[in-house]
Protein backbone atom coordinates (compact mmCIF):
# COMPACT_ATOMS: atom_id res chain seq x y z
CA UNK A 1 152.38 57.93 175.43
CA UNK A 2 155.40 56.31 177.16
CA UNK A 3 157.87 58.65 175.46
CA UNK A 4 155.91 61.69 176.63
CA UNK A 5 155.73 60.24 180.15
CA UNK A 6 159.49 59.61 180.04
CA UNK A 7 160.06 63.21 178.94
CA UNK A 8 157.87 64.52 181.80
CA UNK A 9 159.68 62.25 184.27
CA UNK A 10 163.08 63.59 183.21
CA UNK A 11 161.82 67.17 183.19
CA UNK A 12 160.44 66.94 186.72
CA UNK A 13 163.59 65.12 187.86
CA UNK A 14 165.62 68.13 186.70
CA UNK A 15 163.17 70.67 188.11
CA UNK A 16 162.58 69.29 191.58
CA UNK A 17 165.42 67.12 192.91
CA UNK A 18 167.79 68.71 190.41
CA UNK A 19 167.21 72.10 191.96
CA UNK A 20 166.98 70.91 195.59
CA UNK A 21 169.98 68.56 195.51
CA UNK A 22 171.98 70.12 192.68
CA UNK A 23 171.50 73.81 192.01
CA UNK A 24 170.88 75.07 195.56
CA UNK A 25 173.89 73.24 197.07
CA UNK A 26 175.98 74.46 194.14
CA UNK A 27 174.96 78.06 194.94
CA UNK A 28 175.63 77.55 198.67
CA UNK A 29 179.08 76.11 197.94
CA UNK A 30 179.88 78.76 195.33
CA UNK A 31 178.85 81.67 197.58
CA UNK A 32 180.81 80.27 200.52
CA UNK A 33 183.94 79.64 198.45
CA UNK A 34 183.80 75.89 199.14
CA UNK A 35 183.14 74.78 195.57
CA UNK A 36 186.32 72.81 194.99
CA UNK A 37 186.87 69.08 194.90
CA UNK A 38 188.88 67.84 197.84
CA UNK A 39 191.95 65.66 197.45
CA UNK A 40 191.29 62.00 196.84
CA UNK A 41 191.15 60.23 200.19
CA UNK A 42 189.10 57.60 201.97
CA UNK A 43 186.90 60.41 203.30
CA UNK A 44 186.26 61.96 199.90
CA UNK A 45 185.67 58.54 198.31
CA UNK A 46 183.20 57.66 201.08
CA UNK A 47 181.40 60.98 200.66
CA UNK A 48 181.20 60.47 196.89
CA UNK A 49 179.90 56.93 197.40
CA UNK A 50 177.20 58.24 199.73
CA UNK A 51 176.22 60.92 197.21
CA UNK A 52 176.11 58.42 194.34
CA UNK A 53 173.99 56.03 196.42
CA UNK A 54 171.50 58.86 196.97
CA UNK A 55 171.43 59.52 193.23
CA UNK A 56 170.84 55.83 192.50
CA UNK A 57 168.01 55.70 195.05
CA UNK A 58 166.43 58.76 193.45
CA UNK A 59 166.74 57.35 189.92
CA UNK A 60 165.26 54.00 190.96
CA UNK A 61 162.28 55.79 192.49
CA UNK A 62 161.72 57.91 189.37
CA UNK A 63 161.82 54.69 187.34
CA UNK A 64 159.26 53.03 189.65
CA UNK A 65 156.95 56.04 189.34
CA UNK A 66 157.31 55.88 185.55
CA UNK A 67 157.10 52.11 185.04
CA UNK A 68 154.79 51.03 187.85
CA UNK A 69 152.84 54.14 188.70
CA UNK A 70 152.47 55.57 185.19
CA UNK A 71 153.26 59.05 186.50
CA UNK A 72 156.04 61.34 187.64
CA UNK A 73 157.45 62.64 190.92
CA UNK A 74 155.66 65.99 190.48
CA UNK A 75 152.54 66.56 192.59
CA UNK A 76 150.91 68.05 189.48
CA UNK A 77 151.57 64.82 187.49
CA UNK A 78 151.52 62.03 190.09
CA UNK A 79 151.44 58.28 189.51
CA UNK A 80 148.06 56.85 188.49
CA UNK A 81 148.72 53.65 190.45
CA UNK A 82 149.98 53.29 194.01
CA UNK A 83 153.71 52.52 193.79
CA UNK A 84 154.56 49.66 196.15
CA UNK A 85 157.50 48.12 194.31
CA UNK A 86 161.26 48.45 194.52
CA UNK A 87 162.42 50.51 197.47
CA UNK A 88 158.81 51.48 198.20
CA UNK A 89 158.35 47.96 199.58
CA UNK A 90 160.65 48.91 202.47
CA UNK A 91 159.96 52.59 203.13
CA UNK A 92 157.19 54.95 202.04
CA UNK A 93 159.52 57.80 201.10
CA UNK A 94 162.70 56.47 199.52
CA UNK A 95 162.84 59.33 197.00
CA UNK A 96 162.98 61.93 199.76
CA UNK A 97 165.51 59.77 201.60
CA UNK A 98 167.63 59.68 198.44
CA UNK A 99 167.61 63.46 198.10
CA UNK A 100 168.61 63.94 201.75
CA UNK A 101 171.37 61.33 201.33
CA UNK A 102 172.67 63.29 198.32
CA UNK A 103 172.72 66.49 200.38
CA UNK A 104 174.49 64.84 203.31
CA UNK A 105 177.04 63.37 200.90
CA UNK A 106 177.62 66.79 199.35
CA UNK A 107 177.97 68.41 202.77
CA UNK A 108 180.50 65.76 203.76
CA UNK A 109 182.42 65.91 200.46
CA UNK A 110 182.80 69.69 200.57
CA UNK A 111 183.05 69.92 204.39
CA UNK A 112 180.15 72.37 204.34
CA UNK A 113 178.12 72.99 207.48
CA UNK A 114 175.92 75.30 205.37
CA UNK A 115 174.90 72.44 203.07
CA UNK A 116 174.35 70.23 206.12
CA UNK A 117 172.02 72.85 207.66
CA UNK A 118 170.25 73.11 204.31
CA UNK A 119 169.84 69.29 204.30
CA UNK A 120 168.19 69.51 207.73
CA UNK A 121 165.80 72.20 206.47
CA UNK A 122 164.99 70.09 203.41
CA UNK A 123 164.25 67.09 205.64
CA UNK A 124 161.85 69.17 207.76
CA UNK A 125 160.17 70.53 204.61
CA UNK A 126 159.82 66.99 203.21
CA UNK A 127 158.30 65.77 206.47
CA UNK A 128 155.77 68.59 206.58
CA UNK A 129 154.87 68.07 202.90
CA UNK A 130 154.40 64.33 203.42
CA UNK A 131 152.28 64.70 206.56
CA UNK A 132 150.20 67.71 205.54
CA UNK A 133 149.66 67.05 201.82
CA UNK A 134 150.98 63.81 200.40
CA UNK A 135 149.59 61.26 202.84
CA UNK A 136 146.07 62.73 202.88
CA UNK A 137 146.10 62.97 199.07
CA UNK A 138 147.28 59.37 198.68
CA UNK A 139 144.66 58.13 201.11
CA UNK A 140 141.93 60.02 199.24
CA UNK A 141 143.11 58.66 195.89
CA UNK A 142 143.97 55.05 196.77
CA UNK A 143 141.81 54.53 199.86
CA UNK A 144 142.15 51.13 201.57
CA UNK A 145 145.17 50.04 199.52
CA UNK A 146 147.12 53.05 200.79
CA UNK A 147 145.87 52.61 204.36
CA UNK A 148 147.11 48.98 204.35
CA UNK A 149 150.42 50.08 202.84
CA UNK A 150 150.83 52.90 205.38
CA UNK A 151 150.12 50.48 208.24
CA UNK A 152 152.85 48.09 207.06
CA UNK A 153 155.64 50.34 205.78
CA UNK A 154 157.32 53.11 207.80
CA UNK A 155 157.20 56.74 206.66
CA UNK A 156 160.91 57.20 207.40
CA UNK A 157 163.44 54.52 208.03
CA UNK A 158 163.13 51.02 206.64
CA UNK A 159 161.39 47.78 207.41
CA UNK A 160 163.34 44.56 207.03
CA UNK A 161 160.35 42.74 205.55
CA UNK A 162 159.25 43.66 202.05
CA UNK A 163 155.66 44.83 201.67
CA UNK A 164 153.52 42.49 199.59
CA UNK A 165 150.90 44.43 197.60
CA UNK A 166 147.46 42.92 197.84
CA UNK A 167 148.13 41.21 201.17
CA UNK A 168 148.39 44.37 203.24
CA UNK A 169 151.33 42.93 205.11
CA UNK A 170 155.05 42.43 204.99
CA UNK A 171 156.54 39.12 203.91
């Protein structure tokens, strides 16, 4: 069971964030002739560090969905348990934040205003998906536990106090 869940998690990681934060920016950069690594500098190192931090955030969230939620990041194969561990204790949407951070890092690294505009569109799409589908679905599935979580943890941005599952508050 866990090996099949791990396979699904990796598959959906490649299909969703892999396409949004990998393939589409690659195509944008390729088509615009900007697909070349810049010279090593403090700016390029900072941009790479930002991109890598977004990747690490994304991977941690996929792990939390797998290990704690017993599901994947795909809406068709969601976690069976409400995930309120790791970065989810500080923000309700760290996975989306991670993807946007990757895109901003890529835009910065390749000096691409086209990738930056794409990142803004992705952020708007994420917001609409969260508000119109994900939050109502989570409330229907997890009821009061999600309502308490939503009350304590911001949709975007971060809280400085970690959410404590079961207490409905931040510590």
